C-alpha atoms as a PDB file:
ATOM      1  CA  MET A   1     -22.389 -63.505-168.390  1.00  0.00           C
ATOM      2  CA  GLN A   2     -21.523 -66.684-170.226  1.00  0.00           C
ATOM      3  CA  VAL A   3     -18.116 -68.372-170.207  1.00  0.00           C
ATOM      4  CA  LYS A   4     -17.200 -71.070-172.718  1.00  0.00           C
ATOM      5  CA  ILE A   5     -13.888 -72.795-173.353  1.00  0.00           C
ATOM      6  CA  THR A   6     -12.936 -72.335-176.992  1.00  0.00           C
ATOM      7  CA  ASP A   7      -9.456 -73.856-177.020  1.00  0.00           C
ATOM      8  CA  TYR A   8      -6.974 -75.646-174.783  1.00  0.00           C
ATOM      9  CA  GLY A   9      -3.745 -77.544-175.096  1.00  0.00           C
ATOM     10  CA  PHE A  10      -0.002 -77.014-175.126  1.00  0.00           C
ATOM     11  CA  SER A  11       1.657 -73.998-176.724  1.00  0.00           C
ATOM     12  CA  ASP A  12       4.891 -75.065-178.400  1.00  0.00           C
ATOM     13  CA  SER A  13       6.090 -71.474-178.656  1.00  0.00           C
ATOM     14  CA  LEU A  14       5.465 -70.686-174.969  1.00  0.00           C
ATOM     15  CA  LYS A  15       6.179 -74.202-173.693  1.00  0.00           C
ATOM     16  CA  ARG A  16       3.142 -73.978-171.434  1.00  0.00           C
ATOM     17  CA  TYR A  17      -0.353 -75.404-171.202  1.00  0.00           C
ATOM     18  CA  TYR A  18      -3.243 -73.016-171.782  1.00  0.00           C
ATOM     19  CA  VAL A  19      -7.020 -72.676-171.761  1.00  0.00           C
ATOM     20  CA  THR A  20      -8.836 -70.001-173.776  1.00  0.00           C
ATOM     21  CA  TYR A  21     -12.153 -68.787-172.348  1.00  0.00           C
ATOM     22  CA  HIS A  22     -14.722 -66.828-174.390  1.00  0.00           C
ATOM     23  CA  VAL A  23     -16.674 -64.406-172.194  1.00  0.00           C
ATOM     24  CA  THR A  24     -19.928 -62.952-173.542  1.00  0.00           C
ATOM     25  CA  GLY A  25     -23.113 -61.354-172.268  1.00  0.00           C
ATOM     26  CA  LEU A  26     -21.408 -58.638-170.238  1.00  0.00           C
ATOM     27  CA  THR A  27     -22.946 -55.278-169.488  1.00  0.00           C
ATOM     28  CA  ASP A  28     -20.929 -52.307-170.716  1.00  0.00           C
ATOM     29  CA  GLU A  29     -19.879 -51.565-167.134  1.00  0.00           C
ATOM     30  CA  ASP A  30     -18.776 -55.147-166.423  1.00  0.00           C
ATOM     31  CA  PHE A  31     -16.952 -55.340-169.761  1.00  0.00           C
ATOM     32  CA  ALA A  32     -15.016 -52.145-169.012  1.00  0.00           C
ATOM     33  CA  LYS A  33     -14.111 -53.309-165.521  1.00  0.00           C
ATOM     34  CA  LEU A  34     -12.930 -56.765-166.589  1.00  0.00           C
ATOM     35  CA  THR A  35     -10.793 -55.461-169.443  1.00  0.00           C
ATOM     36  CA  HIS A  36      -8.956 -53.293-166.907  1.00  0.00           C
ATOM     37  CA  VAL A  37      -8.546 -55.770-164.049  1.00  0.00           C
ATOM     38  CA  LEU A  38      -7.747 -59.040-165.832  1.00  0.00           C
ATOM     39  CA  GLU A  39      -4.064 -59.853-165.592  1.00  0.00           C
ATOM     40  CA  ASP A  40      -3.964 -62.782-168.010  1.00  0.00           C
ATOM     41  CA  PRO A  41      -3.599 -62.042-171.725  1.00  0.00           C
ATOM     42  CA  ILE A  42      -6.910 -61.016-173.270  1.00  0.00           C
ATOM     43  CA  MET A  43      -8.178 -60.273-176.742  1.00  0.00           C
ATOM     44  CA  VAL A  44     -11.226 -58.079-177.204  1.00  0.00           C
ATOM     45  CA  ARG A  45     -13.630 -58.442-180.129  1.00  0.00           C
ATOM     46  CA  GLY A  46     -16.571 -56.080-179.913  1.00  0.00           C
ATOM     47  CA  ASN A  47     -17.965 -56.586-176.432  1.00  0.00           C
ATOM     48  CA  GLU A  48     -16.561 -60.102-176.060  1.00  0.00           C
ATOM     49  CA  ILE A  49     -13.404 -61.133-174.227  1.00  0.00           C
ATOM     50  CA  TYR A  50     -11.105 -64.023-175.066  1.00  0.00           C
ATOM     51  CA  LEU A  51      -9.020 -64.808-172.001  1.00  0.00           C
ATOM     52  CA  ASN A  52      -5.918 -67.010-172.138  1.00  0.00           C
ATOM     53  CA  VAL A  53      -4.851 -68.642-168.894  1.00  0.00           C
ATOM     54  CA  TYR A  54      -1.511 -70.446-168.762  1.00  0.00           C
ATOM     55  CA  PHE A  55      -0.752 -73.399-166.497  1.00  0.00           C
ATOM     56  CA  GLU A  56       2.204 -75.373-165.301  1.00  0.00           C
ATOM     57  CA  GLU A  57       1.758 -79.029-166.214  1.00  0.00           C
ATOM     58  CA  GLU A  58       0.777 -80.140-162.703  1.00  0.00           C
ATOM     59  CA  TYR A  59      -2.057 -77.557-162.554  1.00  0.00           C
ATOM     60  CA  TYR A  60      -3.373 -77.980-166.098  1.00  0.00           C
ATOM     61  CA  PRO A  61      -7.068 -78.916-165.717  1.00  0.00           C
ATOM     62  CA  PHE A  62      -7.121 -81.261-168.724  1.00  0.00           C
ATOM     63  CA  GLY A  63      -3.919 -83.104-167.837  1.00  0.00           C
ATOM     64  CA  ALA A  64      -5.528 -85.921-165.868  1.00  0.00           C
ATOM     65  CA  ASP A  65      -6.155 -89.217-167.648  1.00  0.00           C
ATOM     66  CA  ASP A  66      -9.750 -89.060-166.426  1.00  0.00           C
ATOM     67  CA  SER A  67     -10.289 -85.801-168.336  1.00  0.00           C
ATOM     68  CA  LYS A  68     -10.086 -87.696-171.631  1.00  0.00           C
ATOM     69  CA  ASN A  69     -12.979 -89.947-170.609  1.00  0.00           C
ATOM     70  CA  ARG A  70     -15.089 -87.172-169.100  1.00  0.00           C
ATOM     71  CA  LEU A  71     -14.060 -84.148-171.140  1.00  0.00           C
ATOM     72  CA  GLY A  72     -17.504 -82.535-170.971  1.00  0.00           C
ATOM     73  CA  ASP A  73     -17.488 -82.698-167.171  1.00  0.00           C
ATOM     74  CA  TYR A  74     -14.017 -81.156-166.997  1.00  0.00           C
ATOM     75  CA  GLN A  75     -14.938 -78.362-169.402  1.00  0.00           C
ATOM     76  CA  ALA A  76     -18.140 -77.577-167.505  1.00  0.00           C
ATOM     77  CA  ARG A  77     -16.250 -77.435-164.208  1.00  0.00           C
ATOM     78  CA  GLU A  78     -13.629 -75.105-165.650  1.00  0.00           C
ATOM     79  CA  GLU A  79     -16.295 -72.832-167.140  1.00  0.00           C
ATOM     80  CA  ILE A  80     -18.086 -72.658-163.784  1.00  0.00           C
ATOM     81  CA  GLU A  81     -14.848 -71.918-161.930  1.00  0.00           C
ATOM     82  CA  MET A  82     -13.914 -69.150-164.377  1.00  0.00           C
ATOM     83  CA  THR A  83     -17.410 -67.659-164.120  1.00  0.00           C
ATOM     84  CA  ALA A  84     -17.097 -67.601-160.323  1.00  0.00           C
ATOM     85  CA  TYR A  85     -13.637 -65.989-160.577  1.00  0.00           C
ATOM     86  CA  LEU A  86     -14.875 -63.280-162.957  1.00  0.00           C
ATOM     87  CA  LEU A  87     -17.933 -62.574-160.795  1.00  0.00           C
ATOM     88  CA  ASP A  88     -15.632 -62.205-157.791  1.00  0.00           C
ATOM     89  CA  LEU A  89     -13.527 -59.685-159.724  1.00  0.00           C
ATOM     90  CA  LEU A  90     -16.636 -57.722-160.616  1.00  0.00           C
ATOM     91  CA  GLU A  91     -17.835 -57.634-157.003  1.00  0.00           C
ATOM     92  CA  ASN A  92     -14.539 -56.257-155.705  1.00  0.00           C
ATOM     93  CA  ASP A  93     -14.140 -52.511-156.092  1.00  0.00           C
END
């Protein structure tokens, strides 16, 4: 499984911060399970999942001033954390 951030920012229409994760490399079984257990809004294209996670301003991972100077580090951390979260979902029956 690979998780990459494809978009992030502030949604004017929803008035919330968001991060969009692109999840690829799933087995058919893992894909089916995740599409049923994920609570955040998802979009499915083929066997890939686009997952939108919404944040209050104080929890938005790219809200810190430091994130602008070390954006790559922040993105990598978020991708790792989302991968760990998704793996945890897959391990729970």
